[in-house]
Amino acid sequence: MQLGMIGLGKMGANMAQRLLRDGHHVVGFDPKPEARATTEKFGAQSAATLEELVGKLTAPRAIWMMVPAGDITGGTVDALLKLLASGDTIIDGGNSNYKDTLARAKAADGKGVNYVDCGTSGGVWGLAEGYSMMIGGAKDAVERLNPVFESLAPAKDQGWGHVGPVGSGHFTKMVHNGIEYGLMQAYAEGFSILGHKQDFNLDLHQVAEIWRYGSVVRSWLLDLTADALEKNPKLDGIAPFVPDSGEGRWTVAEAIDLDVAAPVITQALIERLRSRDADSFTDKLLSAMRNEFGGHAMKKE
């Protein structure tokens, strides 16, 4: 199948490679010439502009976007809608907010262009392991793309599915990432407790390896944790600062809107925010209050 690919960063380039080796024809666009050159080495064609990309595809066209959520995705969609024709399809494989997806799909529908949202998980391991894909959109538009999804997935019949109408793919991926926050937080706290029990001098990498087999807490995330602890047992040189992509925030906001209690995911998000406050006014004020009401000692800087 012929597919346009916008965004040839690490994940987009890996997806292009996986498609190419399965016999698909890929035309890639990226504003960075070096990214286009790298993808050409894998056997893809490249385009220096969106106009050139669209011109190299045969109608009905299908174009997959792997670009950052927000204004960049919105601007790319706006530009594409000026170039595409009725019957063409845009696939957003990034981490867009599903509410933005609904608005973009409405604009696309006004031009007769199909809009498919594909929540994509797999990261840097996707080239070797395949991608987990949660797909939203009209049934006929998604079915036409089935050969692409089958090539990108871990197996033709595993790790992907059409989960519902447009918007549902990004909504499902949003909740997936919220769950990921909670799982990561639980592992991090557990290993921190183990590490702080200095009397036992536990080897955290060894414990992770034990848990990987037969344990009810085994997972691919634990496999990756074990790898990290093997490479850097004391986590030397790593700052205690945890970014977030935004999807945890969206998950918590959606839980509130739906009156669903989500304390674990919410607290995991709060911990990430807390990690960024190197000079916490909150903690300073707590110490000051203890001193005021109880005369408790305050630790000075």
C-alpha atoms as a PDB file:
ATOM      1  CA  MET A   1       0.000   0.000   0.000  1.00  0.00           C
ATOM      2  CA  GLN A   2       1.091   3.590  -0.669  1.00  0.00           C
ATOM      3  CA  LEU A   3       1.341   5.847   2.379  1.00  0.00           C
ATOM      4  CA  GLY A   4       2.542   9.378   3.044  1.00  0.00           C
ATOM      5  CA  MET A   5       4.398   9.880   6.338  1.00  0.00           C
ATOM      6  CA  ILE A   6       4.757  13.289   7.992  1.00  0.00           C
ATOM      7  CA  GLY A   7       7.325  13.471  10.789  1.00  0.00           C
ATOM      8  CA  LEU A   8      10.467  11.398  10.379  1.00  0.00           C
ATOM      9  CA  GLY A   9      11.784  11.617  13.925  1.00  0.00           C
ATOM     10  CA  LYS A  10      12.844   8.433  15.700  1.00  0.00           C
ATOM     11  CA  MET A  11       9.367   6.921  15.962  1.00  0.00           C
ATOM     12  CA  GLY A  12       8.174   8.050  12.536  1.00  0.00           C
ATOM     13  CA  ALA A  13      11.356   6.779  10.874  1.00  0.00           C
ATOM     14  CA  ASN A  14      11.042   3.431  12.636  1.00  0.00           C
ATOM     15  CA  MET A  15       7.434   3.105  11.519  1.00  0.00           C
ATOM     16  CA  ALA A  16       8.482   3.883   7.947  1.00  0.00           C
ATOM     17  CA  GLN A  17      11.145   1.169   8.116  1.00  0.00           C
ATOM     18  CA  ARG A  18       8.662  -1.385   9.360  1.00  0.00           C
ATOM     19  CA  LEU A  19       6.242  -0.526   6.545  1.00  0.00           C
ATOM     20  CA  LEU A  20       8.960  -0.608   3.893  1.00  0.00           C
ATOM     21  CA  ARG A  21      10.222  -4.021   4.861  1.00  0.00           C
ATOM     22  CA  ASP A  22       6.660  -5.326   4.570  1.00  0.00           C
ATOM     23  CA  GLY A  23       6.426  -4.107   0.985  1.00  0.00           C
ATOM     24  CA  HIS A  24       4.551  -0.814   1.394  1.00  0.00           C
ATOM     25  CA  HIS A  25       5.482   2.268  -0.606  1.00  0.00           C
ATOM     26  CA  VAL A  26       6.307   5.182   1.701  1.00  0.00           C
ATOM     27  CA  VAL A  27       6.775   8.837   0.811  1.00  0.00           C
ATOM     28  CA  GLY A  28       8.111  10.771   3.793  1.00  0.00           C
ATOM     29  CA  PHE A  29       8.143  14.466   4.648  1.00  0.00           C
ATOM     30  CA  ASP A  30      10.069  16.184   7.407  1.00  0.00           C
ATOM     31  CA  PRO A  31      11.302  19.797   7.569  1.00  0.00           C
ATOM     32  CA  LYS A  32      14.775  18.504   8.460  1.00  0.00           C
ATOM     33  CA  PRO A  33      16.775  17.465   5.373  1.00  0.00           C
ATOM     34  CA  GLU A  34      18.837  15.000   7.416  1.00  0.00           C
ATOM     35  CA  ALA A  35      15.676  13.186   8.545  1.00  0.00           C
ATOM     36  CA  ARG A  36      14.513  12.877   4.939  1.00  0.00           C
ATOM     37  CA  ALA A  37      17.941  11.628   3.859  1.00  0.00           C
ATOM     38  CA  THR A  38      17.978   8.962   6.565  1.00  0.00           C
ATOM     39  CA  THR A  39      14.579   7.651   5.524  1.00  0.00           C
ATOM     40  CA  GLU A  40      15.645   7.571   1.867  1.00  0.00           C
ATOM     41  CA  LYS A  41      18.450   5.198   2.898  1.00  0.00           C
ATOM     42  CA  PHE A  42      15.794   2.768   4.104  1.00  0.00           C
ATOM     43  CA  GLY A  43      14.161   2.798   0.652  1.00  0.00           C
ATOM     44  CA  ALA A  44      11.475   5.465   1.026  1.00  0.00           C
ATOM     45  CA  GLN A  45      10.884   8.394  -1.275  1.00  0.00           C
ATOM     46  CA  SER A  46      11.018  11.814   0.312  1.00  0.00           C
ATOM     47  CA  ALA A  47       9.385  15.173  -0.187  1.00  0.00           C
ATOM     48  CA  ALA A  48      10.747  18.577   0.809  1.00  0.00           C
ATOM     49  CA  THR A  49       7.284  20.168   1.168  1.00  0.00           C
ATOM     50  CA  LEU A  50       3.730  19.081   1.948  1.00  0.00           C
ATOM     51  CA  GLU A  51       2.776  20.049  -1.602  1.00  0.00           C
ATOM     52  CA  GLU A  52       5.424  17.722  -2.987  1.00  0.00           C
ATOM     53  CA  LEU A  53       4.323  14.948  -0.632  1.00  0.00           C
ATOM     54  CA  VAL A  54       0.698  15.145  -1.767  1.00  0.00           C
ATOM     55  CA  GLY A  55       1.809  15.331  -5.403  1.00  0.00           C
ATOM     56  CA  LYS A  56       3.754  12.078  -5.117  1.00  0.00           C
ATOM     57  CA  LEU A  57       0.764  10.115  -3.798  1.00  0.00           C
ATOM     58  CA  THR A  58      -1.955   8.556  -5.926  1.00  0.00           C
ATOM     59  CA  ALA A  59      -5.580   9.280  -5.031  1.00  0.00           C
ATOM     60  CA  PRO A  60      -7.241   8.296  -2.811  1.00  0.00           C
ATOM     61  CA  ARG A  61      -4.298   9.361  -0.656  1.00  0.00           C
ATOM     62  CA  ALA A  62      -3.523   8.291   2.898  1.00  0.00           C
ATOM     63  CA  ILE A  63      -1.170  10.417   4.993  1.00  0.00           C
ATOM     64  CA  TRP A  64       0.033   9.433   8.467  1.00  0.00           C
ATOM     65  CA  MET A  65       1.170  12.227  10.803  1.00  0.00           C
ATOM     66  CA  MET A  66       3.707  11.573  13.573  1.00  0.00           C
ATOM     67  CA  VAL A  67       4.186  15.111  14.866  1.00  0.00           C
ATOM     68  CA  PRO A  68       3.889  16.716  18.322  1.00  0.00           C
ATOM     69  CA  ALA A  69       0.391  17.256  19.700  1.00  0.00           C
ATOM     70  CA  GLY A  70      -1.052  20.753  19.803  1.00  0.00           C
ATOM     71  CA  ASP A  71      -0.355  23.613  17.422  1.00  0.00           C
ATOM     72  CA  ILE A  72       2.018  21.632  15.191  1.00  0.00           C
ATOM     73  CA  THR A  73      -0.599  18.941  14.559  1.00  0.00           C
ATOM     74  CA  GLY A  74      -3.313  21.549  14.089  1.00  0.00           C
ATOM     75  CA  GLY A  75      -1.231  23.559  11.628  1.00  0.00           C
ATOM     76  CA  THR A  76      -0.303  20.449   9.675  1.00  0.00           C
ATOM     77  CA  VAL A  77      -3.935  19.386   9.378  1.00  0.00           C
ATOM     78  CA  ASP A  78      -4.957  22.879   8.228  1.00  0.00           C
ATOM     79  CA  ALA A  79      -2.255  22.828   5.561  1.00  0.00           C
ATOM     80  CA  LEU A  80      -3.193  19.334   4.373  1.00  0.00           C
ATOM     81  CA  LEU A  81      -6.874  20.165   4.044  1.00  0.00           C
ATOM     82  CA  LYS A  82      -5.946  22.824   1.509  1.00  0.00           C
ATOM     83  CA  LEU A  83      -4.118  20.214  -0.566  1.00  0.00           C
ATOM     84  CA  LEU A  84      -6.141  17.005  -0.244  1.00  0.00           C
ATOM     85  CA  ALA A  85      -9.277  15.971  -2.136  1.00  0.00           C
ATOM     86  CA  SER A  86     -12.498  14.224  -1.201  1.00  0.00           C
ATOM     87  CA  GLY A  87     -11.852  10.560  -0.391  1.00  0.00           C
ATOM     88  CA  ASP A  88      -8.332  11.141   0.953  1.00  0.00           C
ATOM     89  CA  THR A  89      -7.478  10.172   4.529  1.00  0.00           C
ATOM     90  CA  ILE A  90      -5.460  11.801   7.315  1.00  0.00           C
ATOM     91  CA  ILE A  91      -4.214   9.556  10.129  1.00  0.00           C
ATOM     92  CA  ASP A  92      -3.049  11.251  13.329  1.00  0.00           C
ATOM     93  CA  GLY A  93      -0.735   8.792  15.049  1.00  0.00           C
ATOM     94  CA  GLY A  94       0.442  11.248  17.709  1.00  0.00           C
ATOM     95  CA  ASN A  95      -0.774  11.967  21.223  1.00  0.00           C
ATOM     96  CA  SER A  96      -3.429  14.546  20.399  1.00  0.00           C
ATOM     97  CA  ASN A  97      -6.129  15.474  22.875  1.00  0.00           C
ATOM     98  CA  TYR A  98      -9.249  13.667  21.692  1.00  0.00           C
ATOM     99  CA  LYS A  99     -11.256  16.899  21.914  1.00  0.00           C
ATOM    100  CA  ASP A 100      -8.875  18.503  19.412  1.00  0.00           C
ATOM    101  CA  THR A 101      -9.227  15.390  17.259  1.00  0.00           C
ATOM    102  CA  LEU A 102     -13.008  15.747  17.180  1.00  0.00           C
ATOM    103  CA  ALA A 103     -12.691  19.366  15.995  1.00  0.00           C
ATOM    104  CA  ARG A 104     -10.132  18.460  13.313  1.00  0.00           C
ATOM    105  CA  ALA A 105     -12.249  15.548  12.121  1.00  0.00           C
ATOM    106  CA  LYS A 106     -15.218  17.885  11.727  1.00  0.00           C
ATOM    107  CA  ALA A 107     -13.121  20.252   9.613  1.00  0.00           C
ATOM    108  CA  ALA A 108     -11.863  17.336   7.513  1.00  0.00           C
ATOM    109  CA  ASP A 109     -15.389  16.008   7.017  1.00  0.00           C
ATOM    110  CA  GLY A 110     -16.391  19.377   5.621  1.00  0.00           C
ATOM    111  CA  LYS A 111     -13.825  18.801   2.856  1.00  0.00           C
ATOM    112  CA  GLY A 112     -14.829  15.170   2.307  1.00  0.00           C
ATOM    113  CA  VAL A 113     -11.536  13.988   3.850  1.00  0.00           C
ATOM    114  CA  ASN A 114     -11.541  11.000   6.219  1.00  0.00           C
ATOM    115  CA  TYR A 115      -9.941  11.521   9.613  1.00  0.00           C
ATOM    116  CA  VAL A 116      -8.553   8.558  11.549  1.00  0.00           C
ATOM    117  CA  ASP A 117      -7.023   8.889  15.008  1.00  0.00           C
ATOM    118  CA  CYS A 118      -4.542   6.213  15.983  1.00  0.00           C
ATOM    119  CA  GLY A 119      -3.264   6.188  19.542  1.00  0.00           C
ATOM    120  CA  THR A 120       0.160   4.602  19.142  1.00  0.00           C
ATOM    121  CA  SER A 121       2.291   2.964  21.830  1.00  0.00           C
ATOM    122  CA  GLY A 122       5.638   1.275  21.424  1.00  0.00           C
ATOM    123  CA  GLY A 123       8.214   4.040  21.515  1.00  0.00           C
ATOM    124  CA  VAL A 124      11.767   3.232  20.506  1.00  0.00           C
ATOM    125  CA  TRP A 125      11.030  -0.514  20.686  1.00  0.00           C
ATOM    126  CA  GLY A 126       8.338  -0.412  18.028  1.00  0.00           C
ATOM    127  CA  LEU A 127      10.640  -1.189  15.109  1.00  0.00           C
ATOM    128  CA  ALA A 128      11.568  -4.562  16.593  1.00  0.00           C
ATOM    129  CA  GLU A 129       8.495  -5.359  18.679  1.00  0.00           C
ATOM    130  CA  GLY A 130       5.692  -3.696  16.738  1.00  0.00           C
ATOM    131  CA  TYR A 131       3.274  -0.985  17.838  1.00  0.00           C
ATOM    132  CA  SER A 132       0.126  -1.147  19.920  1.00  0.00           C
ATOM    133  CA  MET A 133      -2.521   0.868  18.088  1.00  0.00           C
ATOM    134  CA  MET A 134      -5.928   2.062  19.273  1.00  0.00           C
ATOM    135  CA  ILE A 135      -7.794   3.286  16.216  1.00  0.00           C
ATOM    136  CA  GLY A 136     -10.798   5.581  15.900  1.00  0.00           C
ATOM    137  CA  GLY A 137     -12.657   6.569  12.751  1.00  0.00           C
ATOM    138  CA  ALA A 138     -15.248   5.548  10.196  1.00  0.00           C
ATOM    139  CA  LYS A 139     -15.312   1.803   9.554  1.00  0.00           C
ATOM    140  CA  ASP A 140     -14.648   1.980   5.798  1.00  0.00           C
ATOM    141  CA  ALA A 141     -11.747   4.423   6.211  1.00  0.00           C
ATOM    142  CA  VAL A 142     -10.118   2.224   8.853  1.00  0.00           C
ATOM    143  CA  GLU A 143     -10.646  -1.006   6.919  1.00  0.00           C
ATOM    144  CA  ARG A 144      -8.890   0.459   3.883  1.00  0.00           C
ATOM    145  CA  LEU A 145      -5.846   1.013   6.107  1.00  0.00           C
ATOM    146  CA  ASN A 146      -5.854  -2.492   7.621  1.00  0.00           C
ATOM    147  CA  PRO A 147      -2.733  -3.594   5.678  1.00  0.00           C
ATOM    148  CA  VAL A 148      -0.813  -0.690   7.241  1.00  0.00           C
ATOM    149  CA  PHE A 149      -1.974  -1.527  10.764  1.00  0.00           C
ATOM    150  CA  GLU A 150      -1.166  -5.210  10.242  1.00  0.00           C
ATOM    151  CA  SER A 151       2.395  -4.327   9.227  1.00  0.00           C
ATOM    152  CA  LEU A 152       2.973  -1.975  12.161  1.00  0.00           C
ATOM    153  CA  ALA A 153       1.420  -4.207  14.841  1.00  0.00           C
ATOM    154  CA  PRO A 154       3.273  -6.916  16.801  1.00  0.00           C
ATOM    155  CA  ALA A 155       1.288  -9.434  14.715  1.00  0.00           C
ATOM    156  CA  LYS A 156      -1.443  -9.117  12.101  1.00  0.00           C
ATOM    157  CA  ASP A 157      -4.084 -10.124  14.624  1.00  0.00           C
ATOM    158  CA  GLN A 158      -2.539  -8.766  17.839  1.00  0.00           C
ATOM    159  CA  GLY A 159      -1.890  -5.401  19.457  1.00  0.00           C
ATOM    160  CA  TRP A 160      -4.247  -3.264  17.394  1.00  0.00           C
ATOM    161  CA  GLY A 161      -7.922  -2.698  16.819  1.00  0.00           C
ATOM    162  CA  HIS A 162     -10.652  -0.347  15.615  1.00  0.00           C
ATOM    163  CA  VAL A 163     -12.009   0.761  18.992  1.00  0.00           C
ATOM    164  CA  GLY A 164     -14.788   3.112  17.866  1.00  0.00           C
ATOM    165  CA  PRO A 165     -15.680   6.373  16.106  1.00  0.00           C
ATOM    166  CA  VAL A 166     -13.264   9.212  15.481  1.00  0.00           C
ATOM    167  CA  GLY A 167     -11.778  10.481  18.755  1.00  0.00           C
ATOM    168  CA  SER A 168     -11.998   7.117  20.501  1.00  0.00           C
ATOM    169  CA  GLY A 169      -8.475   6.114  19.491  1.00  0.00           C
ATOM    170  CA  HIS A 170      -6.866   9.114  21.150  1.00  0.00           C
ATOM    171  CA  PHE A 171      -9.223   8.851  24.123  1.00  0.00           C
ATOM    172  CA  THR A 172      -8.189   5.232  24.685  1.00  0.00           C
ATOM    173  CA  LYS A 173      -4.488   6.102  24.331  1.00  0.00           C
ATOM    174  CA  MET A 174      -4.955   8.950  26.826  1.00  0.00           C
ATOM    175  CA  VAL A 175      -6.262   6.542  29.456  1.00  0.00           C
ATOM    176  CA  HIS A 176      -3.514   4.050  28.529  1.00  0.00           C
ATOM    177  CA  ASN A 177      -0.916   6.696  29.369  1.00  0.00           C
ATOM    178  CA  GLY A 178      -2.711   7.578  32.602  1.00  0.00           C
ATOM    179  CA  ILE A 179      -2.472   3.926  33.652  1.00  0.00           C
ATOM    180  CA  GLU A 180       1.191   3.991  32.676  1.00  0.00           C
ATOM    181  CA  TYR A 181       1.741   6.890  35.103  1.00  0.00           C
ATOM    182  CA  GLY A 182       0.295   4.821  37.949  1.00  0.00           C
ATOM    183  CA  LEU A 183       2.301   1.701  37.112  1.00  0.00           C
ATOM    184  CA  MET A 184       5.544   3.653  36.854  1.00  0.00           C
ATOM    185  CA  GLN A 185       4.896   5.383  40.172  1.00  0.00           C
ATOM    186  CA  ALA A 186       4.217   2.081  41.959  1.00  0.00           C
ATOM    187  CA  TYR A 187       7.427   0.502  40.659  1.00  0.00           C
ATOM    188  CA  ALA A 188       9.465   3.605  41.508  1.00  0.00           C
ATOM    189  CA  GLU A 189       8.109   3.802  45.068  1.00  0.00           C
ATOM    190  CA  GLY A 190       8.582   0.087  45.675  1.00  0.00           C
ATOM    191  CA  PHE A 191      12.195   0.050  44.550  1.00  0.00           C
ATOM    192  CA  SER A 192      12.845   3.196  46.576  1.00  0.00           C
ATOM    193  CA  ILE A 193      11.612   1.417  49.720  1.00  0.00           C
ATOM    194  CA  LEU A 194      13.878  -1.531  48.948  1.00  0.00           C
ATOM    195  CA  GLY A 195      16.853   0.760  48.403  1.00  0.00           C
ATOM    196  CA  HIS A 196      16.294   2.651  51.639  1.00  0.00           C
ATOM    197  CA  LYS A 197      16.442  -0.557  53.717  1.00  0.00           C
ATOM    198  CA  GLN A 198      20.204  -0.280  54.058  1.00  0.00           C
ATOM    199  CA  ASP A 199      20.466  -3.086  56.627  1.00  0.00           C
ATOM    200  CA  PHE A 200      19.792  -5.619  53.874  1.00  0.00           C
ATOM    201  CA  ASN A 201      21.923  -3.981  51.159  1.00  0.00           C
ATOM    202  CA  LEU A 202      19.556  -5.271  48.503  1.00  0.00           C
ATOM    203  CA  ASP A 203      20.655  -5.511  44.876  1.00  0.00           C
ATOM    204  CA  LEU A 204      17.753  -3.778  43.136  1.00  0.00           C
ATOM    205  CA  HIS A 205      18.657  -5.161  39.736  1.00  0.00           C
ATOM    206  CA  GLN A 206      18.664  -8.687  41.155  1.00  0.00           C
ATOM    207  CA  VAL A 207      15.230  -8.134  42.709  1.00  0.00           C
ATOM    208  CA  ALA A 208      13.875  -6.806  39.421  1.00  0.00           C
ATOM    209  CA  GLU A 209      15.209  -9.887  37.616  1.00  0.00           C
ATOM    210  CA  ILE A 210      13.557 -12.181  40.174  1.00  0.00           C
ATOM    211  CA  TRP A 211      10.216 -10.424  39.785  1.00  0.00           C
ATOM    212  CA  ARG A 212      10.346 -10.656  35.987  1.00  0.00           C
ATOM    213  CA  TYR A 213       9.552 -14.386  36.058  1.00  0.00           C
ATOM    214  CA  GLY A 214       6.522 -15.933  37.740  1.00  0.00           C
ATOM    215  CA  SER A 215       5.646 -12.855  39.782  1.00  0.00           C
ATOM    216  CA  VAL A 216       2.216 -11.235  39.572  1.00  0.00           C
ATOM    217  CA  VAL A 217       3.954  -7.857  39.086  1.00  0.00           C
ATOM    218  CA  ARG A 218       5.926  -8.966  36.017  1.00  0.00           C
ATOM    219  CA  SER A 219       5.488  -6.758  32.955  1.00  0.00           C
ATOM    220  CA  TRP A 220       7.352  -5.243  30.030  1.00  0.00           C
ATOM    221  CA  LEU A 221       7.711  -2.088  32.111  1.00  0.00           C
ATOM    222  CA  LEU A 222       9.456  -4.173  34.778  1.00  0.00           C
ATOM    223  CA  ASP A 223      11.729  -5.617  32.073  1.00  0.00           C
ATOM    224  CA  LEU A 224      12.745  -2.079  31.123  1.00  0.00           C
ATOM    225  CA  THR A 225      13.188  -1.169  34.803  1.00  0.00           C
ATOM    226  CA  ALA A 226      15.545  -4.120  35.214  1.00  0.00           C
ATOM    227  CA  ASP A 227      17.545  -2.943  32.195  1.00  0.00           C
ATOM    228  CA  ALA A 228      17.828   0.553  33.658  1.00  0.00           C
ATOM    229  CA  LEU A 229      18.983  -0.753  37.036  1.00  0.00           C
ATOM    230  CA  GLU A 230      21.562  -3.000  35.403  1.00  0.00           C
ATOM    231  CA  LYS A 231      23.028  -0.098  33.442  1.00  0.00           C
ATOM    232  CA  ASN A 232      22.991   2.350  36.344  1.00  0.00           C
ATOM    233  CA  PRO A 233      22.259   0.697  39.734  1.00  0.00           C
ATOM    234  CA  LYS A 234      22.499   3.948  41.728  1.00  0.00           C
ATOM    235  CA  LEU A 235      20.906   6.068  38.981  1.00  0.00           C
ATOM    236  CA  ASP A 236      23.960   8.314  39.040  1.00  0.00           C
ATOM    237  CA  GLY A 237      23.710  11.485  36.980  1.00  0.00           C
ATOM    238  CA  ILE A 238      19.912  11.389  36.697  1.00  0.00           C
ATOM    239  CA  ALA A 239      18.082  14.442  38.025  1.00  0.00           C
ATOM    240  CA  PRO A 240      14.902  13.789  40.068  1.00  0.00           C
ATOM    241  CA  PHE A 241      12.812  15.652  37.499  1.00  0.00           C
ATOM    242  CA  VAL A 242      10.008  13.821  35.701  1.00  0.00           C
ATOM    243  CA  PRO A 243       8.375  15.468  32.660  1.00  0.00           C
ATOM    244  CA  ASP A 244       4.860  14.637  31.496  1.00  0.00           C
ATOM    245  CA  SER A 245       3.454  14.520  27.979  1.00  0.00           C
ATOM    246  CA  GLY A 246       0.125  15.997  29.027  1.00  0.00           C
ATOM    247  CA  GLU A 247      -1.943  12.833  28.686  1.00  0.00           C
ATOM    248  CA  GLY A 248      -1.889  12.141  32.428  1.00  0.00           C
ATOM    249  CA  ARG A 249      -3.374  15.581  33.015  1.00  0.00           C
ATOM    250  CA  TRP A 250      -6.060  14.956  30.409  1.00  0.00           C
ATOM    251  CA  THR A 251      -6.892  11.588  31.976  1.00  0.00           C
ATOM    252  CA  VAL A 252      -7.323  13.128  35.429  1.00  0.00           C
ATOM    253  CA  ALA A 253      -9.452  15.963  34.024  1.00  0.00           C
ATOM    254  CA  GLU A 254     -11.642  13.455  32.184  1.00  0.00           C
ATOM    255  CA  ALA A 255     -12.039  11.343  35.332  1.00  0.00           C
ATOM    256  CA  ILE A 256     -13.279  14.431  37.181  1.00  0.00           C
ATOM    257  CA  ASP A 257     -15.688  15.289  34.354  1.00  0.00           C
ATOM    258  CA  LEU A 258     -17.052  11.727  34.398  1.00  0.00           C
ATOM    259  CA  ASP A 259     -17.238  11.519  38.223  1.00  0.00           C
ATOM    260  CA  VAL A 260     -14.814   8.585  38.210  1.00  0.00           C
ATOM    261  CA  ALA A 261     -12.469   8.216  41.169  1.00  0.00           C
ATOM    262  CA  ALA A 262      -8.891   7.856  39.905  1.00  0.00           C
ATOM    263  CA  PRO A 263      -6.693   8.457  42.979  1.00  0.00           C
ATOM    264  CA  VAL A 264      -3.665   6.430  41.835  1.00  0.00           C
ATOM    265  CA  ILE A 265      -3.364   8.110  38.434  1.00  0.00           C
ATOM    266  CA  THR A 266      -4.025  11.511  40.000  1.00  0.00           C
ATOM    267  CA  GLN A 267      -1.377  11.058  42.676  1.00  0.00           C
ATOM    268  CA  ALA A 268       1.124   9.804  40.090  1.00  0.00           C
ATOM    269  CA  LEU A 269       0.586  13.030  38.155  1.00  0.00           C
ATOM    270  CA  ILE A 270       0.989  15.120  41.321  1.00  0.00           C
ATOM    271  CA  GLU A 271       4.280  13.366  42.063  1.00  0.00           C
ATOM    272  CA  ARG A 272       5.579  14.294  38.622  1.00  0.00           C
ATOM    273  CA  LEU A 273       4.662  17.914  39.202  1.00  0.00           C
ATOM    274  CA  ARG A 274       6.295  17.774  42.618  1.00  0.00           C
ATOM    275  CA  SER A 275       9.533  16.441  41.144  1.00  0.00           C
ATOM    276  CA  ARG A 276      10.052  19.750  39.356  1.00  0.00           C
ATOM    277  CA  ASP A 277       9.990  21.954  42.430  1.00  0.00           C
ATOM    278  CA  ALA A 278      13.619  22.024  43.487  1.00  0.00           C
ATOM    279  CA  ASP A 279      12.936  24.921  45.872  1.00  0.00           C
ATOM    280  CA  SER A 280       9.541  23.932  47.279  1.00  0.00           C
ATOM    281  CA  PHE A 281       7.687  26.843  48.863  1.00  0.00           C
ATOM    282  CA  THR A 282       5.062  24.334  50.009  1.00  0.00           C
ATOM    283  CA  ASP A 283       7.554  22.337  52.074  1.00  0.00           C
ATOM    284  CA  LYS A 284       9.176  25.474  53.476  1.00  0.00           C
ATOM    285  CA  LEU A 285       5.798  26.761  54.626  1.00  0.00           C
ATOM    286  CA  LEU A 286       4.921  23.414  56.199  1.00  0.00           C
ATOM    287  CA  SER A 287       8.146  23.568  58.207  1.00  0.00           C
ATOM    288  CA  ALA A 288       7.425  27.168  59.211  1.00  0.00           C
ATOM    289  CA  MET A 289       3.897  26.268  60.370  1.00  0.00           C
ATOM    290  CA  ARG A 290       5.206  23.411  62.529  1.00  0.00           C
ATOM    291  CA  ASN A 291       7.621  25.843  64.123  1.00  0.00           C
ATOM    292  CA  GLU A 292       4.847  28.363  64.779  1.00  0.00           C
ATOM    293  CA  PHE A 293       2.349  26.061  66.468  1.00  0.00           C
ATOM    294  CA  GLY A 294       4.690  23.597  68.151  1.00  0.00           C
ATOM    295  CA  GLY A 295       8.082  25.219  68.334  1.00  0.00           C
ATOM    296  CA  HIS A 296       9.481  22.395  66.203  1.00  0.00           C
ATOM    297  CA  ALA A 297      12.977  22.902  64.866  1.00  0.00           C
ATOM    298  CA  MET A 298      13.398  24.005  61.268  1.00  0.00           C
ATOM    299  CA  LYS A 299      16.195  22.726  59.056  1.00  0.00           C
ATOM    300  CA  LYS A 300      18.120  25.686  57.638  1.00  0.00           C
ATOM    301  CA  GLU A 301      19.533  25.830  54.137  1.00  0.00           C
END
